[in-house]
């Protein structure tokens, strides 16, 4: 419930809810078109016109809403305004990730012990002057760590003094709470 965490959100009767559920590529791969994907601007027509795909998403929608209501029984159908189901095909269409992977590189032990892999994923790109990398694959998978990677990359670009100022400010803010 992201809206519950938003300090500027001022209507306790209207909230947003996001449900994440893993999906195997095999469930949706049969709906993938043979031709290359068009530039992503709106709902992909190759998907929205496919009735079998739409029925699959509708079944998943019902299952997700049933799970939501099981965990939060006070939620009624009248309170739900909009529901949007995204599949690996949606993700592949909009962010061009292979097989709709939304979490980036595999998190394997090799990623943390192989020196070449560690050098490849370092934020500072030695082969290109003044180029830095940030995002979820620099640290670990997930939206929160992708954001943190941006902060850490900015601090590395700014240098050690920026780290000290940032940490001091974070401690000061924490003490104020």
C-alpha atoms as a PDB file:
ATOM      1  CA  UNK A   1       0.000   0.000   0.000  1.00  0.00           C
ATOM      2  CA  UNK A   2       2.325   2.764  -1.239  1.00  0.00           C
ATOM      3  CA  UNK A   3      -0.165   5.544  -0.503  1.00  0.00           C
ATOM      4  CA  UNK A   4      -0.063   4.661   3.208  1.00  0.00           C
ATOM      5  CA  UNK A   5       3.635   5.491   3.256  1.00  0.00           C
ATOM      6  CA  UNK A   6       3.174   8.845   1.512  1.00  0.00           C
ATOM      7  CA  UNK A   7       3.198  11.644   4.083  1.00  0.00           C
ATOM      8  CA  UNK A   8       1.465  13.972   1.591  1.00  0.00           C
ATOM      9  CA  UNK A   9      -1.402  11.525   1.008  1.00  0.00           C
ATOM     10  CA  UNK A  10      -4.293  13.128   2.847  1.00  0.00           C
ATOM     11  CA  UNK A  11      -7.303  10.903   2.119  1.00  0.00           C
ATOM     12  CA  UNK A  12      -7.340   7.749   4.271  1.00  0.00           C
ATOM     13  CA  UNK A  13     -10.379   6.453   2.340  1.00  0.00           C
ATOM     14  CA  UNK A  14      -8.539   6.275  -0.999  1.00  0.00           C
ATOM     15  CA  UNK A  15      -5.412   4.144  -1.234  1.00  0.00           C
ATOM     16  CA  UNK A  16      -3.314   2.306  -3.755  1.00  0.00           C
ATOM     17  CA  UNK A  17      -2.315  -1.323  -3.509  1.00  0.00           C
ATOM     18  CA  UNK A  18       0.280  -3.223  -5.496  1.00  0.00           C
ATOM     19  CA  UNK A  19       0.392  -7.006  -5.564  1.00  0.00           C
ATOM     20  CA  UNK A  20       3.464  -8.701  -7.004  1.00  0.00           C
ATOM     21  CA  UNK A  21       3.200 -12.354  -7.940  1.00  0.00           C
ATOM     22  CA  UNK A  22       5.818 -14.367  -9.835  1.00  0.00           C
ATOM     23  CA  UNK A  23       4.829 -15.684 -13.225  1.00  0.00           C
ATOM     24  CA  UNK A  24       6.574 -18.297 -15.326  1.00  0.00           C
ATOM     25  CA  UNK A  25       7.420 -17.195 -18.862  1.00  0.00           C
ATOM     26  CA  UNK A  26       5.763 -20.365 -20.199  1.00  0.00           C
ATOM     27  CA  UNK A  27       2.331 -19.086 -19.083  1.00  0.00           C
ATOM     28  CA  UNK A  28       2.461 -16.167 -21.514  1.00  0.00           C
ATOM     29  CA  UNK A  29       5.101 -17.026 -24.124  1.00  0.00           C
ATOM     30  CA  UNK A  30       2.505 -18.522 -26.480  1.00  0.00           C
ATOM     31  CA  UNK A  31       0.923 -15.064 -26.786  1.00  0.00           C
ATOM     32  CA  UNK A  32       4.169 -13.412 -27.861  1.00  0.00           C
ATOM     33  CA  UNK A  33       4.049 -12.289 -31.513  1.00  0.00           C
ATOM     34  CA  UNK A  34       6.509 -13.674 -34.035  1.00  0.00           C
ATOM     35  CA  UNK A  35       7.229 -10.214 -35.476  1.00  0.00           C
ATOM     36  CA  UNK A  36       9.405  -7.690 -33.614  1.00  0.00           C
ATOM     37  CA  UNK A  37       7.685  -5.644 -30.933  1.00  0.00           C
ATOM     38  CA  UNK A  38       6.577  -2.129 -31.943  1.00  0.00           C
ATOM     39  CA  UNK A  39       7.894   0.889 -30.028  1.00  0.00           C
ATOM     40  CA  UNK A  40       6.159   0.938 -26.641  1.00  0.00           C
ATOM     41  CA  UNK A  41       3.775   3.860 -26.369  1.00  0.00           C
ATOM     42  CA  UNK A  42       0.397   2.423 -25.420  1.00  0.00           C
ATOM     43  CA  UNK A  43      -1.066  -0.987 -24.654  1.00  0.00           C
ATOM     44  CA  UNK A  44       0.480  -3.343 -27.186  1.00  0.00           C
ATOM     45  CA  UNK A  45      -2.184  -4.135 -29.826  1.00  0.00           C
ATOM     46  CA  UNK A  46      -0.832  -7.659 -30.309  1.00  0.00           C
ATOM     47  CA  UNK A  47      -1.826  -8.349 -26.719  1.00  0.00           C
ATOM     48  CA  UNK A  48      -5.030  -6.371 -26.197  1.00  0.00           C
ATOM     49  CA  UNK A  49      -6.700  -7.994 -29.220  1.00  0.00           C
ATOM     50  CA  UNK A  50      -5.905 -11.525 -28.096  1.00  0.00           C
ATOM     51  CA  UNK A  51      -8.978 -12.874 -26.283  1.00  0.00           C
ATOM     52  CA  UNK A  52      -7.150 -15.889 -24.800  1.00  0.00           C
ATOM     53  CA  UNK A  53      -4.521 -13.601 -23.294  1.00  0.00           C
ATOM     54  CA  UNK A  54      -7.211 -11.285 -21.929  1.00  0.00           C
ATOM     55  CA  UNK A  55      -9.062 -14.255 -20.358  1.00  0.00           C
ATOM     56  CA  UNK A  56      -5.807 -15.402 -18.717  1.00  0.00           C
ATOM     57  CA  UNK A  57      -5.259 -11.929 -17.264  1.00  0.00           C
ATOM     58  CA  UNK A  58      -8.876 -11.825 -16.062  1.00  0.00           C
ATOM     59  CA  UNK A  59      -8.446 -15.157 -14.239  1.00  0.00           C
ATOM     60  CA  UNK A  60      -5.252 -13.868 -12.615  1.00  0.00           C
ATOM     61  CA  UNK A  61      -7.014 -10.646 -11.681  1.00  0.00           C
ATOM     62  CA  UNK A  62      -9.756 -12.575  -9.884  1.00  0.00           C
ATOM     63  CA  UNK A  63      -7.174 -14.678  -8.035  1.00  0.00           C
ATOM     64  CA  UNK A  64      -5.176 -11.619  -6.949  1.00  0.00           C
ATOM     65  CA  UNK A  65      -8.302  -9.807  -5.757  1.00  0.00           C
ATOM     66  CA  UNK A  66      -9.427 -12.919  -3.858  1.00  0.00           C
ATOM     67  CA  UNK A  67      -6.028 -13.073  -2.147  1.00  0.00           C
ATOM     68  CA  UNK A  68      -6.210  -9.359  -1.328  1.00  0.00           C
ATOM     69  CA  UNK A  69      -9.678  -9.746   0.216  1.00  0.00           C
ATOM     70  CA  UNK A  70      -8.577 -12.841   2.140  1.00  0.00           C
ATOM     71  CA  UNK A  71      -5.798 -10.853   3.799  1.00  0.00           C
ATOM     72  CA  UNK A  72      -7.812  -7.626   4.096  1.00  0.00           C
ATOM     73  CA  UNK A  73     -11.432  -8.747   4.553  1.00  0.00           C
ATOM     74  CA  UNK A  74     -12.764  -5.222   5.076  1.00  0.00           C
ATOM     75  CA  UNK A  75     -12.048  -4.353   1.427  1.00  0.00           C
ATOM     76  CA  UNK A  76     -15.201  -4.580  -0.696  1.00  0.00           C
ATOM     77  CA  UNK A  77     -15.700  -4.680  -4.457  1.00  0.00           C
ATOM     78  CA  UNK A  78     -17.294  -1.220  -4.288  1.00  0.00           C
ATOM     79  CA  UNK A  79     -14.045   0.213  -2.949  1.00  0.00           C
ATOM     80  CA  UNK A  80     -11.895  -1.101  -5.800  1.00  0.00           C
ATOM     81  CA  UNK A  81     -11.801   1.473  -8.582  1.00  0.00           C
ATOM     82  CA  UNK A  82      -9.088   0.280 -10.963  1.00  0.00           C
ATOM     83  CA  UNK A  83      -7.181  -2.952 -11.441  1.00  0.00           C
ATOM     84  CA  UNK A  84      -4.320  -3.421 -13.877  1.00  0.00           C
ATOM     85  CA  UNK A  85      -2.636  -6.771 -14.501  1.00  0.00           C
ATOM     86  CA  UNK A  86       0.863  -6.753 -15.943  1.00  0.00           C
ATOM     87  CA  UNK A  87       2.491  -9.930 -17.240  1.00  0.00           C
ATOM     88  CA  UNK A  88       6.021 -10.722 -18.370  1.00  0.00           C
ATOM     89  CA  UNK A  89       4.841  -9.802 -21.901  1.00  0.00           C
ATOM     90  CA  UNK A  90       3.864  -6.341 -20.669  1.00  0.00           C
ATOM     91  CA  UNK A  91       7.247  -5.918 -19.029  1.00  0.00           C
ATOM     92  CA  UNK A  92       9.073  -7.162 -22.111  1.00  0.00           C
ATOM     93  CA  UNK A  93       7.110  -4.704 -24.254  1.00  0.00           C
ATOM     94  CA  UNK A  94       7.787  -1.659 -22.102  1.00  0.00           C
ATOM     95  CA  UNK A  95      11.291  -2.195 -20.757  1.00  0.00           C
ATOM     96  CA  UNK A  96      12.595  -4.618 -23.400  1.00  0.00           C
ATOM     97  CA  UNK A  97      13.806  -7.159 -20.866  1.00  0.00           C
ATOM     98  CA  UNK A  98      14.324 -10.701 -22.019  1.00  0.00           C
ATOM     99  CA  UNK A  99      11.295 -12.880 -21.283  1.00  0.00           C
ATOM    100  CA  UNK A 100       9.732 -10.115 -19.220  1.00  0.00           C
ATOM    101  CA  UNK A 101      12.229 -10.279 -16.416  1.00  0.00           C
ATOM    102  CA  UNK A 102      11.567  -7.357 -14.112  1.00  0.00           C
ATOM    103  CA  UNK A 103      14.392  -7.968 -11.691  1.00  0.00           C
ATOM    104  CA  UNK A 104      17.503  -7.806 -13.839  1.00  0.00           C
ATOM    105  CA  UNK A 105      20.494 -10.096 -13.647  1.00  0.00           C
ATOM    106  CA  UNK A 106      20.364 -13.423 -11.858  1.00  0.00           C
ATOM    107  CA  UNK A 107      21.470 -13.146  -8.258  1.00  0.00           C
ATOM    108  CA  UNK A 108      23.941 -16.009  -8.114  1.00  0.00           C
ATOM    109  CA  UNK A 109      26.974 -16.594  -5.865  1.00  0.00           C
ATOM    110  CA  UNK A 110      29.225 -15.960  -8.893  1.00  0.00           C
ATOM    111  CA  UNK A 111      27.976 -12.396  -9.009  1.00  0.00           C
ATOM    112  CA  UNK A 112      29.537 -11.717  -5.603  1.00  0.00           C
ATOM    113  CA  UNK A 113      32.771 -13.727  -5.776  1.00  0.00           C
ATOM    114  CA  UNK A 114      33.906 -13.672  -9.420  1.00  0.00           C
ATOM    115  CA  UNK A 115      36.396 -10.791  -9.789  1.00  0.00           C
ATOM    116  CA  UNK A 116      35.607 -10.194 -13.476  1.00  0.00           C
ATOM    117  CA  UNK A 117      31.878 -10.040 -12.742  1.00  0.00           C
ATOM    118  CA  UNK A 118      32.493  -7.652  -9.842  1.00  0.00           C
ATOM    119  CA  UNK A 119      34.613  -5.393 -12.081  1.00  0.00           C
ATOM    120  CA  UNK A 120      31.926  -5.466 -14.787  1.00  0.00           C
ATOM    121  CA  UNK A 121      29.235  -4.403 -12.325  1.00  0.00           C
ATOM    122  CA  UNK A 122      31.313  -1.700 -10.643  1.00  0.00           C
ATOM    123  CA  UNK A 123      29.691   1.724 -10.934  1.00  0.00           C
ATOM    124  CA  UNK A 124      32.821   3.334 -12.392  1.00  0.00           C
ATOM    125  CA  UNK A 125      33.324   2.294 -16.017  1.00  0.00           C
ATOM    126  CA  UNK A 126      37.069   2.465 -16.631  1.00  0.00           C
ATOM    127  CA  UNK A 127      36.810   1.924 -20.386  1.00  0.00           C
ATOM    128  CA  UNK A 128      34.720   5.102 -20.940  1.00  0.00           C
ATOM    129  CA  UNK A 129      35.899   8.416 -19.464  1.00  0.00           C
ATOM    130  CA  UNK A 130      33.468   9.860 -16.879  1.00  0.00           C
ATOM    131  CA  UNK A 131      30.908   7.088 -17.344  1.00  0.00           C
ATOM    132  CA  UNK A 132      29.133   5.659 -14.294  1.00  0.00           C
ATOM    133  CA  UNK A 133      26.538   2.915 -13.969  1.00  0.00           C
ATOM    134  CA  UNK A 134      23.675   2.761 -11.540  1.00  0.00           C
ATOM    135  CA  UNK A 135      20.493   0.756 -11.212  1.00  0.00           C
ATOM    136  CA  UNK A 136      19.347  -2.503  -9.764  1.00  0.00           C
ATOM    137  CA  UNK A 137      22.055  -4.660 -11.319  1.00  0.00           C
ATOM    138  CA  UNK A 138      24.856  -2.676  -9.701  1.00  0.00           C
ATOM    139  CA  UNK A 139      23.731  -3.788  -6.220  1.00  0.00           C
ATOM    140  CA  UNK A 140      20.988  -6.402  -6.015  1.00  0.00           C
ATOM    141  CA  UNK A 141      17.595  -6.813  -7.602  1.00  0.00           C
ATOM    142  CA  UNK A 142      14.604  -4.755  -6.603  1.00  0.00           C
ATOM    143  CA  UNK A 143      13.159  -1.294  -6.871  1.00  0.00           C
ATOM    144  CA  UNK A 144      14.436  -0.034  -3.521  1.00  0.00           C
ATOM    145  CA  UNK A 145      18.016  -1.100  -4.209  1.00  0.00           C
ATOM    146  CA  UNK A 146      17.838   0.403  -7.707  1.00  0.00           C
ATOM    147  CA  UNK A 147      17.050   3.747  -6.078  1.00  0.00           C
ATOM    148  CA  UNK A 148      19.803   3.255  -3.521  1.00  0.00           C
ATOM    149  CA  UNK A 149      22.249   2.481  -6.333  1.00  0.00           C
ATOM    150  CA  UNK A 150      21.501   5.918  -7.787  1.00  0.00           C
ATOM    151  CA  UNK A 151      22.263   7.597  -4.461  1.00  0.00           C
ATOM    152  CA  UNK A 152      25.473   5.590  -3.987  1.00  0.00           C
ATOM    153  CA  UNK A 153      26.589   6.300  -7.551  1.00  0.00           C
ATOM    154  CA  UNK A 154      26.019  10.046  -7.075  1.00  0.00           C
ATOM    155  CA  UNK A 155      28.018   9.957  -3.843  1.00  0.00           C
ATOM    156  CA  UNK A 156      30.878   8.103  -5.552  1.00  0.00           C
ATOM    157  CA  UNK A 157      30.913  10.696  -8.336  1.00  0.00           C
ATOM    158  CA  UNK A 158      30.988  13.524  -5.768  1.00  0.00           C
ATOM    159  CA  UNK A 159      33.795  11.919  -3.756  1.00  0.00           C
ATOM    160  CA  UNK A 160      34.602  10.958  -0.148  1.00  0.00           C
ATOM    161  CA  UNK A 161      33.658  14.327   1.352  1.00  0.00           C
ATOM    162  CA  UNK A 162      30.139  13.927  -0.049  1.00  0.00           C
ATOM    163  CA  UNK A 163      29.882  10.563   1.749  1.00  0.00           C
ATOM    164  CA  UNK A 164      30.812  12.189   5.055  1.00  0.00           C
ATOM    165  CA  UNK A 165      28.305  15.049   4.586  1.00  0.00           C
ATOM    166  CA  UNK A 166      25.576  12.614   3.511  1.00  0.00           C
ATOM    167  CA  UNK A 167      26.122  10.294   6.490  1.00  0.00           C
ATOM    168  CA  UNK A 168      26.274  13.210   8.950  1.00  0.00           C
ATOM    169  CA  UNK A 169      23.042  14.612   7.556  1.00  0.00           C
ATOM    170  CA  UNK A 170      21.344  11.196   7.693  1.00  0.00           C
ATOM    171  CA  UNK A 171      22.348  10.781  11.355  1.00  0.00           C
ATOM    172  CA  UNK A 172      21.158  14.290  12.178  1.00  0.00           C
ATOM    173  CA  UNK A 173      17.802  13.691  10.483  1.00  0.00           C
ATOM    174  CA  UNK A 174      17.418  10.374  12.298  1.00  0.00           C
ATOM    175  CA  UNK A 175      18.096  12.033  15.636  1.00  0.00           C
ATOM    176  CA  UNK A 176      15.387  14.611  14.918  1.00  0.00           C
ATOM    177  CA  UNK A 177      12.782  11.872  14.463  1.00  0.00           C
END
